Amino acid sequence: TLTDVASPEFVGTLITLGLGVCGFLAWAEHRWGRPRA
Protein backbone atom coordinates (compact mmCIF):
# COMPACT_ATOMS: atom_id res chain seq x y z
CA THR A 1 0.00 0.00 0.00
CA LEU A 2 1.06 3.58 -0.63
CA THR A 3 -1.75 5.22 1.33
CA ASP A 4 -2.24 3.36 4.62
CA VAL A 5 0.93 4.74 6.19
CA ALA A 6 0.15 3.34 9.65
CA SER A 7 -0.03 -0.26 8.47
CA PRO A 8 2.69 -2.93 8.43
CA GLU A 9 2.02 -3.29 4.69
CA PHE A 10 3.23 0.27 4.15
CA VAL A 11 6.47 -0.52 5.96
CA GLY A 12 6.90 -3.53 3.70
CA THR A 13 6.29 -1.32 0.66
CA LEU A 14 8.94 1.14 1.82
CA ILE A 15 11.43 -1.69 2.23
CA THR A 16 10.76 -3.63 -0.96
CA LEU A 17 9.74 -0.91 -3.40
CA GLY A 18 11.64 1.96 -1.79
CA LEU A 19 14.90 0.41 -0.63
CA GLY A 20 14.94 -2.70 -2.79
CA VAL A 21 13.81 -1.44 -6.18
CA CYS A 22 14.28 2.34 -6.11
CA GLY A 23 17.51 2.10 -4.14
CA PHE A 24 19.50 -1.06 -4.58
CA LEU A 25 18.22 -2.10 -8.00
CA ALA A 26 19.19 1.38 -9.22
CA TRP A 27 22.63 0.94 -7.64
CA ALA A 28 23.01 -2.46 -9.33
CA GLU A 29 22.02 -1.01 -12.71
CA HIS A 30 24.54 1.82 -12.40
CA ARG A 31 27.36 -0.30 -10.94
CA TRP A 32 26.94 -3.58 -12.82
CA GLY A 33 25.07 -2.54 -15.94
CA ARG A 34 21.52 -3.26 -17.00
CA PRO A 35 21.86 -6.91 -18.10
CA ARG A 36 23.51 -8.03 -14.86
CA ALA A 37 21.15 -6.00 -12.68
All heavy atoms as atom14 arrays in JSON, in Angstrom:
{
  "sequence": "TLTDVASPEFVGTLITLGLGVCGFLAWAEHRWGRPRA",
  "atom14_mask": [
    [1, 1, 1, 1, 1, 1, 1, 0, 0, 0, 0, 0, 0, 0],
    [1, 1, 1, 1, 1, 1, 1, 1, 0, 0, 0, 0, 0, 0],
    [1, 1, 1, 1, 1, 1, 1, 0, 0, 0, 0, 0, 0, 0],
    [1, 1, 1, 1, 1, 1, 1, 1, 0, 0, 0, 0, 0, 0],
    [1, 1, 1, 1, 1, 1, 1, 0, 0, 0, 0, 0, 0, 0],
    [1, 1, 1, 1, 1, 0, 0, 0, 0, 0, 0, 0, 0, 0],
    [1, 1, 1, 1, 1, 1, 0, 0, 0, 0, 0, 0, 0, 0],
    [1, 1, 1, 1, 1, 1, 1, 0, 0, 0, 0, 0, 0, 0],
    [1, 1, 1, 1, 1, 1, 1, 1, 1, 0, 0, 0, 0, 0],
    [1, 1, 1, 1, 1, 1, 1, 1, 1, 1, 1, 0, 0, 0],
    [1, 1, 1, 1, 1, 1, 1, 0, 0, 0, 0, 0, 0, 0],
    [1, 1, 1, 1, 0, 0, 0, 0, 0, 0, 0, 0, 0, 0],
    [1, 1, 1, 1, 1, 1, 1, 0, 0, 0, 0, 0, 0, 0],
    [1, 1, 1, 1, 1, 1, 1, 1, 0, 0, 0, 0, 0, 0],
    [1, 1, 1, 1, 1, 1, 1, 1, 0, 0, 0, 0, 0, 0],
    [1, 1, 1, 1, 1, 1, 1, 0, 0, 0, 0, 0, 0, 0],
    [1, 1, 1, 1, 1, 1, 1, 1, 0, 0, 0, 0, 0, 0],
    [1, 1, 1, 1, 0, 0, 0, 0, 0, 0, 0, 0, 0, 0],
    [1, 1, 1, 1, 1, 1, 1, 1, 0, 0, 0, 0, 0, 0],
    [1, 1, 1, 1, 0, 0, 0, 0, 0, 0, 0, 0, 0, 0],
    [1, 1, 1, 1, 1, 1, 1, 0, 0, 0, 0, 0, 0, 0],
    [1, 1, 1, 1, 1, 1, 0, 0, 0, 0, 0, 0, 0, 0],
    [1, 1, 1, 1, 0, 0, 0, 0, 0, 0, 0, 0, 0, 0],
    [1, 1, 1, 1, 1, 1, 1, 1, 1, 1, 1, 0, 0, 0],
    [1, 1, 1, 1, 1, 1, 1, 1, 0, 0, 0, 0, 0, 0],
    [1, 1, 1, 1, 1, 0, 0, 0, 0, 0, 0, 0, 0, 0],
    [1, 1, 1, 1, 1, 1, 1, 1, 1, 1, 1, 1, 1, 1],
    [1, 1, 1, 1, 1, 0, 0, 0, 0, 0, 0, 0, 0, 0],
    [1, 1, 1, 1, 1, 1, 1, 1, 1, 0, 0, 0, 0, 0],
    [1, 1, 1, 1, 1, 1, 1, 1, 1, 1, 0, 0, 0, 0],
    [1, 1, 1, 1, 1, 1, 1, 1, 1, 1, 1, 0, 0, 0],
    [1, 1, 1, 1, 1, 1, 1, 1, 1, 1, 1, 1, 1, 1],
    [1, 1, 1, 1, 0, 0, 0, 0, 0, 0, 0, 0, 0, 0],
    [1, 1, 1, 1, 1, 1, 1, 1, 1, 1, 1, 0, 0, 0],
    [1, 1, 1, 1, 1, 1, 1, 0, 0, 0, 0, 0, 0, 0],
    [1, 1, 1, 1, 1, 1, 1, 1, 1, 1, 1, 0, 0, 0],
    [1, 1, 1, 1, 1, 0, 0, 0, 0, 0, 0, 0, 0, 0]
  ],
  "atom14_positions": [
    [[0.83, -1.19, 0.0], [0.0, 0.0, 0.0], [0.87, 1.24, 0.0], [1.98, 1.24, 0.56], [-0.94, 0.03, 1.22], [-1.7, 1.24, 1.22], [-0.15, -0.06, 2.52], [0.0, 0.0, 0.0], [0.0, 0.0, 0.0], [0.0, 0.0, 0.0], [0.0, 0.0, 0.0], [0.0, 0.0, 0.0], [0.0, 0.0, 0.0], [0.0, 0.0, 0.0]],
    [[0.38, 2.28, -0.62], [1.06, 3.58, -0.63], [0.28, 4.63, 0.15], [0.75, 5.76, 0.28], [1.25, 4.07, -2.07], [2.17, 3.23, -2.96], [2.12, 3.74, -4.39], [3.59, 3.25, -2.42], [0.0, 0.0, 0.0], [0.0, 0.0, 0.0], [0.0, 0.0, 0.0], [0.0, 0.0, 0.0], [0.0, 0.0, 0.0], [0.0, 0.0, 0.0]],
    [[-0.87, 4.24, 0.67], [-1.75, 5.22, 1.33], [-1.94, 4.95, 2.82], [-2.01, 5.89, 3.61], [-3.12, 5.24, 0.64], [-3.66, 3.91, 0.62], [-2.99, 5.75, -0.8], [0.0, 0.0, 0.0], [0.0, 0.0, 0.0], [0.0, 0.0, 0.0], [0.0, 0.0, 0.0], [0.0, 0.0, 0.0], [0.0, 0.0, 0.0], [0.0, 0.0, 0.0]],
    [[-2.02, 3.7, 3.21], [-2.24, 3.36, 4.62], [-0.9, 3.36, 5.35], [-0.3, 2.33, 5.62], [-2.91, 1.99, 4.72], [-3.4, 1.69, 6.13], [-3.26, 2.56, 7.01], [-3.92, 0.57, 6.35], [0.0, 0.0, 0.0], [0.0, 0.0, 0.0], [0.0, 0.0, 0.0], [0.0, 0.0, 0.0], [0.0, 0.0, 0.0], [0.0, 0.0, 0.0]],
    [[-0.44, 4.58, 5.68], [0.93, 4.74, 6.19], [1.12, 4.17, 7.59], [2.26, 4.0, 8.04], [1.33, 6.22, 6.17], [1.36, 6.75, 4.75], [0.38, 7.06, 7.04], [0.0, 0.0, 0.0], [0.0, 0.0, 0.0], [0.0, 0.0, 0.0], [0.0, 0.0, 0.0], [0.0, 0.0, 0.0], [0.0, 0.0, 0.0], [0.0, 0.0, 0.0]],
    [[0.03, 3.88, 8.3], [0.15, 3.34, 9.65], [0.16, 1.82, 9.68], [0.24, 1.23, 10.76], [-0.98, 3.87, 10.53], [0.0, 0.0, 0.0], [0.0, 0.0, 0.0], [0.0, 0.0, 0.0], [0.0, 0.0, 0.0], [0.0, 0.0, 0.0], [0.0, 0.0, 0.0], [0.0, 0.0, 0.0], [0.0, 0.0, 0.0], [0.0, 0.0, 0.0]],
    [[0.08, 1.19, 8.52], [-0.03, -0.26, 8.47], [1.32, -0.93, 8.28], [2.26, -0.33, 7.73], [-0.96, -0.67, 7.32], [-0.38, -0.33, 6.08], [0.0, 0.0, 0.0], [0.0, 0.0, 0.0], [0.0, 0.0, 0.0], [0.0, 0.0, 0.0], [0.0, 0.0, 0.0], [0.0, 0.0, 0.0], [0.0, 0.0, 0.0], [0.0, 0.0, 0.0]],
    [[1.45, -2.18, 8.7], [2.69, -2.93, 8.43], [2.93, -3.1, 6.93], [4.09, -3.2, 6.5], [2.44, -4.28, 9.11], [1.37, -4.02, 10.13], [0.52, -2.95, 9.55], [0.0, 0.0, 0.0], [0.0, 0.0, 0.0], [0.0, 0.0, 0.0], [0.0, 0.0, 0.0], [0.0, 0.0, 0.0], [0.0, 0.0, 0.0], [0.0, 0.0, 0.0]],
    [[1.86, -3.14, 6.15], [2.02, -3.29, 4.69], [2.75, -2.09, 4.1], [3.52, -2.24, 3.14], [0.66, -3.45, 4.02], [-0.02, -4.79, 4.28], [-0.66, -4.85, 5.66], [-0.79, -3.78, 6.31], [-1.03, -5.96, 6.09], [0.0, 0.0, 0.0], [0.0, 0.0, 0.0], [0.0, 0.0, 0.0], [0.0, 0.0, 0.0], [0.0, 0.0, 0.0]],
    [[2.53, -0.91, 4.66], [3.23, 0.27, 4.15], [4.72, 0.19, 4.45], [5.55, 0.57, 3.62], [2.64, 1.54, 4.77], [3.26, 2.81, 4.27], [2.97, 3.3, 3.01], [4.16, 3.52, 5.06], [3.55, 4.48, 2.54], [4.74, 4.69, 4.6], [4.43, 5.17, 3.34], [0.0, 0.0, 0.0], [0.0, 0.0, 0.0], [0.0, 0.0, 0.0]],
    [[5.06, -0.32, 5.62], [6.47, -0.52, 5.96], [7.11, -1.5, 4.98], [8.23, -1.28, 4.5], [6.61, -1.02, 7.4], [8.09, -1.32, 7.73], [6.06, 0.0, 8.39], [0.0, 0.0, 0.0], [0.0, 0.0, 0.0], [0.0, 0.0, 0.0], [0.0, 0.0, 0.0], [0.0, 0.0, 0.0], [0.0, 0.0, 0.0], [0.0, 0.0, 0.0]],
    [[6.39, -2.57, 4.67], [6.9, -3.53, 3.7], [7.08, -2.91, 2.33], [8.06, -3.21, 1.62], [0.0, 0.0, 0.0], [0.0, 0.0, 0.0], [0.0, 0.0, 0.0], [0.0, 0.0, 0.0], [0.0, 0.0, 0.0], [0.0, 0.0, 0.0], [0.0, 0.0, 0.0], [0.0, 0.0, 0.0], [0.0, 0.0, 0.0], [0.0, 0.0, 0.0]],
    [[6.16, -2.01, 1.94], [6.29, -1.32, 0.66], [7.52, -0.43, 0.65], [8.25, -0.37, -0.35], [5.03, -0.49, 0.37], [3.88, -1.35, 0.35], [5.14, 0.2, -0.98], [0.0, 0.0, 0.0], [0.0, 0.0, 0.0], [0.0, 0.0, 0.0], [0.0, 0.0, 0.0], [0.0, 0.0, 0.0], [0.0, 0.0, 0.0], [0.0, 0.0, 0.0]],
    [[7.76, 0.28, 1.74], [8.94, 1.14, 1.82], [10.22, 0.32, 1.67], [11.18, 0.75, 1.01], [8.96, 1.9, 3.14], [7.95, 3.03, 3.32], [8.12, 3.67, 4.7], [8.11, 4.09, 2.23], [0.0, 0.0, 0.0], [0.0, 0.0, 0.0], [0.0, 0.0, 0.0], [0.0, 0.0, 0.0], [0.0, 0.0, 0.0], [0.0, 0.0, 0.0]],
    [[10.22, -0.87, 2.28], [11.43, -1.69, 2.23], [11.63, -2.29, 0.85], [12.72, -2.18, 0.26], [11.37, -2.79, 3.3], [11.39, -2.17, 4.7], [12.54, -3.76, 3.14], [11.18, -3.17, 5.83], [0.0, 0.0, 0.0], [0.0, 0.0, 0.0], [0.0, 0.0, 0.0], [0.0, 0.0, 0.0], [0.0, 0.0, 0.0], [0.0, 0.0, 0.0]],
    [[10.59, -2.91, 0.31], [10.76, -3.63, -0.96], [10.8, -2.69, -2.16], [11.71, -2.75, -2.98], [9.64, -4.66, -1.14], [8.36, -4.01, -1.07], [9.71, -5.72, -0.08], [0.0, 0.0, 0.0], [0.0, 0.0, 0.0], [0.0, 0.0, 0.0], [0.0, 0.0, 0.0], [0.0, 0.0, 0.0], [0.0, 0.0, 0.0], [0.0, 0.0, 0.0]],
    [[9.79, -1.81, -2.26], [9.74, -0.91, -3.4], [10.71, 0.26, -3.24], [11.41, 0.62, -4.19], [8.31, -0.37, -3.58], [8.09, 0.56, -4.78], [8.38, -0.16, -6.09], [6.67, 1.1, -4.77], [0.0, 0.0, 0.0], [0.0, 0.0, 0.0], [0.0, 0.0, 0.0], [0.0, 0.0, 0.0], [0.0, 0.0, 0.0], [0.0, 0.0, 0.0]],
    [[10.77, 0.81, -2.01], [11.64, 1.96, -1.79], [13.11, 1.6, -1.76], [13.89, 2.02, -2.62], [0.0, 0.0, 0.0], [0.0, 0.0, 0.0], [0.0, 0.0, 0.0], [0.0, 0.0, 0.0], [0.0, 0.0, 0.0], [0.0, 0.0, 0.0], [0.0, 0.0, 0.0], [0.0, 0.0, 0.0], [0.0, 0.0, 0.0], [0.0, 0.0, 0.0]],
    [[13.49, 0.79, -0.76], [14.9, 0.41, -0.63], [15.33, -0.58, -1.72], [16.36, -0.39, -2.36], [15.14, -0.19, 0.75], [15.18, 0.76, 1.94], [15.33, -0.04, 3.24], [16.3, 1.76, 1.81], [0.0, 0.0, 0.0], [0.0, 0.0, 0.0], [0.0, 0.0, 0.0], [0.0, 0.0, 0.0], [0.0, 0.0, 0.0], [0.0, 0.0, 0.0]],
    [[14.53, -1.63, -1.89], [14.94, -2.7, -2.79], [14.99, -2.28, -4.25], [16.03, -2.43, -4.91], [0.0, 0.0, 0.0], [0.0, 0.0, 0.0], [0.0, 0.0, 0.0], [0.0, 0.0, 0.0], [0.0, 0.0, 0.0], [0.0, 0.0, 0.0], [0.0, 0.0, 0.0], [0.0, 0.0, 0.0], [0.0, 0.0, 0.0], [0.0, 0.0, 0.0]],
    [[13.88, -1.76, -4.76], [13.81, -1.44, -6.18], [14.39, -0.05, -6.47], [15.33, 0.09, -7.26], [12.35, -1.54, -6.69], [12.28, -1.14, -8.16], [11.82, -2.95, -6.5], [0.0, 0.0, 0.0], [0.0, 0.0, 0.0], [0.0, 0.0, 0.0], [0.0, 0.0, 0.0], [0.0, 0.0, 0.0], [0.0, 0.0, 0.0], [0.0, 0.0, 0.0]],
    [[13.82, 0.97, -5.82], [14.28, 2.34, -6.11], [15.73, 2.56, -5.7], [16.45, 3.33, -6.35], [13.39, 3.35, -5.38], [11.68, 3.36, -5.93], [0.0, 0.0, 0.0], [0.0, 0.0, 0.0], [0.0, 0.0, 0.0], [0.0, 0.0, 0.0], [0.0, 0.0, 0.0], [0.0, 0.0, 0.0], [0.0, 0.0, 0.0], [0.0, 0.0, 0.0]],
    [[16.16, 1.9, -4.63], [17.51, 2.1, -4.14], [18.53, 1.13, -4.69], [19.37, 1.48, -5.51], [0.0, 0.0, 0.0], [0.0, 0.0, 0.0], [0.0, 0.0, 0.0], [0.0, 0.0, 0.0], [0.0, 0.0, 0.0], [0.0, 0.0, 0.0], [0.0, 0.0, 0.0], [0.0, 0.0, 0.0], [0.0, 0.0, 0.0], [0.0, 0.0, 0.0]],
    [[18.43, -0.12, -4.28], [19.5, -1.06, -4.58], [19.44, -1.6, -6.01], [20.49, -1.94, -6.57], [19.49, -2.21, -3.57], [20.09, -1.82, -2.25], [19.29, -1.37, -1.22], [21.46, -1.87, -2.05], [19.84, -0.99, -0.01], [22.03, -1.5, -0.85], [21.21, -1.05, 0.19], [0.0, 0.0, 0.0], [0.0, 0.0, 0.0], [0.0, 0.0, 0.0]],
    [[18.25, -1.71, -6.59], [18.22, -2.1, -8.0], [18.83, -0.99, -8.86], [19.55, -1.27, -9.84], [16.79, -2.39, -8.45], [16.62, -2.83, -9.91], [17.45, -4.08, -10.2], [15.16, -3.06, -10.25], [0.0, 0.0, 0.0], [0.0, 0.0, 0.0], [0.0, 0.0, 0.0], [0.0, 0.0, 0.0], [0.0, 0.0, 0.0], [0.0, 0.0, 0.0]],
    [[18.57, 0.26, -8.5], [19.19, 1.38, -9.22], [20.71, 1.35, -9.06], [21.46, 1.6, -10.02], [18.64, 2.71, -8.71], [0.0, 0.0, 0.0], [0.0, 0.0, 0.0], [0.0, 0.0, 0.0], [0.0, 0.0, 0.0], [0.0, 0.0, 0.0], [0.0, 0.0, 0.0], [0.0, 0.0, 0.0], [0.0, 0.0, 0.0], [0.0, 0.0, 0.0]],
    [[21.17, 1.05, -7.85], [22.63, 0.94, -7.64], [23.2, -0.18, -8.5], [24.26, -0.01, -9.12], [22.91, 0.64, -6.17], [24.32, 0.23, -5.92], [25.41, 1.04, -5.77], [24.82, -1.12, -5.82], [26.55, 0.29, -5.58], [26.22, -1.03, -5.6], [24.21, -2.36, -5.88], [27.0, -2.17, -5.46], [25.0, -3.5, -5.73], [26.38, -3.38, -5.51]],
    [[22.51, -1.33, -8.54], [23.01, -2.46, -9.33], [23.05, -2.1, -10.82], [23.99, -2.46, -11.53], [22.13, -3.68, -9.1], [0.0, 0.0, 0.0], [0.0, 0.0, 0.0], [0.0, 0.0, 0.0], [0.0, 0.0, 0.0], [0.0, 0.0, 0.0], [0.0, 0.0, 0.0], [0.0, 0.0, 0.0], [0.0, 0.0, 0.0], [0.0, 0.0, 0.0]],
    [[22.03, -1.4, -11.3], [22.02, -1.01, -12.71], [23.19, -0.09, -13.03], [23.85, -0.24, -14.08], [20.71, -0.32, -13.05], [20.62, 0.13, -14.5], [19.35, 0.91, -14.81], [18.46, 0.98, -13.93], [19.24, 1.44, -15.94], [0.0, 0.0, 0.0], [0.0, 0.0, 0.0], [0.0, 0.0, 0.0], [0.0, 0.0, 0.0], [0.0, 0.0, 0.0]],
    [[23.44, 0.87, -12.15], [24.54, 1.82, -12.4], [25.9, 1.15, -12.24], [26.82, 1.41, -13.03], [24.41, 2.99, -11.43], [25.55, 3.96, -11.51], [25.74, 4.81, -12.59], [26.59, 4.21, -10.66], [26.83, 5.55, -12.39], [27.36, 5.19, -11.24], [0.0, 0.0, 0.0], [0.0, 0.0, 0.0], [0.0, 0.0, 0.0], [0.0, 0.0, 0.0]],
    [[26.06, 0.3, -11.25], [27.36, -0.3, -10.94], [27.67, -1.47, -11.85], [28.8, -1.61, -12.33], [27.38, -0.73, -9.47], [28.65, -1.43, -9.03], [29.85, -0.54, -9.23], [29.7, 0.7, -8.49], [30.54, 1.73, -8.62], [31.55, 1.65, -9.47], [30.35, 2.84, -7.93], [0.0, 0.0, 0.0], [0.0, 0.0, 0.0], [0.0, 0.0, 0.0]],
    [[26.7, -2.35, -12.08], [26.94, -3.58, -12.82], [26.5, -3.53, -14.26], [26.89, -4.39, -15.06], [26.23, -4.76, -12.14], [26.72, -5.07, -10.77], [27.95, -4.76, -10.26], [26.01, -5.76, -9.74], [28.05, -5.21, -8.97], [26.87, -5.83, -8.63], [24.75, -6.32, -9.65], [26.49, -6.44, -7.43], [24.37, -6.92, -8.47], [25.23, -6.98, -7.38]],
    [[25.65, -2.57, -14.61], [25.07, -2.54, -15.94], [23.69, -3.17, -15.95], [23.34, -3.96, -15.07], [0.0, 0.0, 0.0], [0.0, 0.0, 0.0], [0.0, 0.0, 0.0], [0.0, 0.0, 0.0], [0.0, 0.0, 0.0], [0.0, 0.0, 0.0], [0.0, 0.0, 0.0], [0.0, 0.0, 0.0], [0.0, 0.0, 0.0], [0.0, 0.0, 0.0]],
    [[22.91, -2.81, -16.95], [21.52, -3.26, -17.0], [21.36, -4.77, -17.1], [20.54, -5.35, -16.36], [20.79, -2.58, -18.16], [20.68, -1.08, -18.01], [20.15, -0.43, -19.27], [20.41, 1.02, -19.25], [20.22, 1.8, -20.29], [19.77, 1.31, -21.43], [20.48, 3.1, -20.2], [0.0, 0.0, 0.0], [0.0, 0.0, 0.0], [0.0, 0.0, 0.0]],
    [[22.09, -5.46, -17.98], [21.86, -6.91, -18.1], [22.11, -7.65, -16.79], [21.32, -8.52, -16.39], [22.86, -7.33, -19.18], [23.09, -6.1, -19.99], [23.04, -4.97, -19.01], [0.0, 0.0, 0.0], [0.0, 0.0, 0.0], [0.0, 0.0, 0.0], [0.0, 0.0, 0.0], [0.0, 0.0, 0.0], [0.0, 0.0, 0.0], [0.0, 0.0, 0.0]],
    [[23.21, -7.31, -16.09], [23.51, -8.03, -14.86], [22.53, -7.67, -13.75], [22.12, -8.53, -12.97], [24.95, -7.71, -14.42], [25.42, -8.54, -13.24], [26.86, -8.26, -12.9], [27.28, -8.98, -11.71], [28.42, -8.79, -11.09], [29.28, -7.89, -11.58], [28.73, -9.47, -10.02], [0.0, 0.0, 0.0], [0.0, 0.0, 0.0], [0.0, 0.0, 0.0]],
    [[22.12, -6.4, -13.69], [21.15, -6.0, -12.68], [19.83, -6.73, -12.88], [19.21, -7.22, -11.92], [20.94, -4.49, -12.73], [0.0, 0.0, 0.0], [0.0, 0.0, 0.0], [0.0, 0.0, 0.0], [0.0, 0.0, 0.0], [0.0, 0.0, 0.0], [0.0, 0.0, 0.0], [0.0, 0.0, 0.0], [0.0, 0.0, 0.0], [0.0, 0.0, 0.0]]
  ]
}
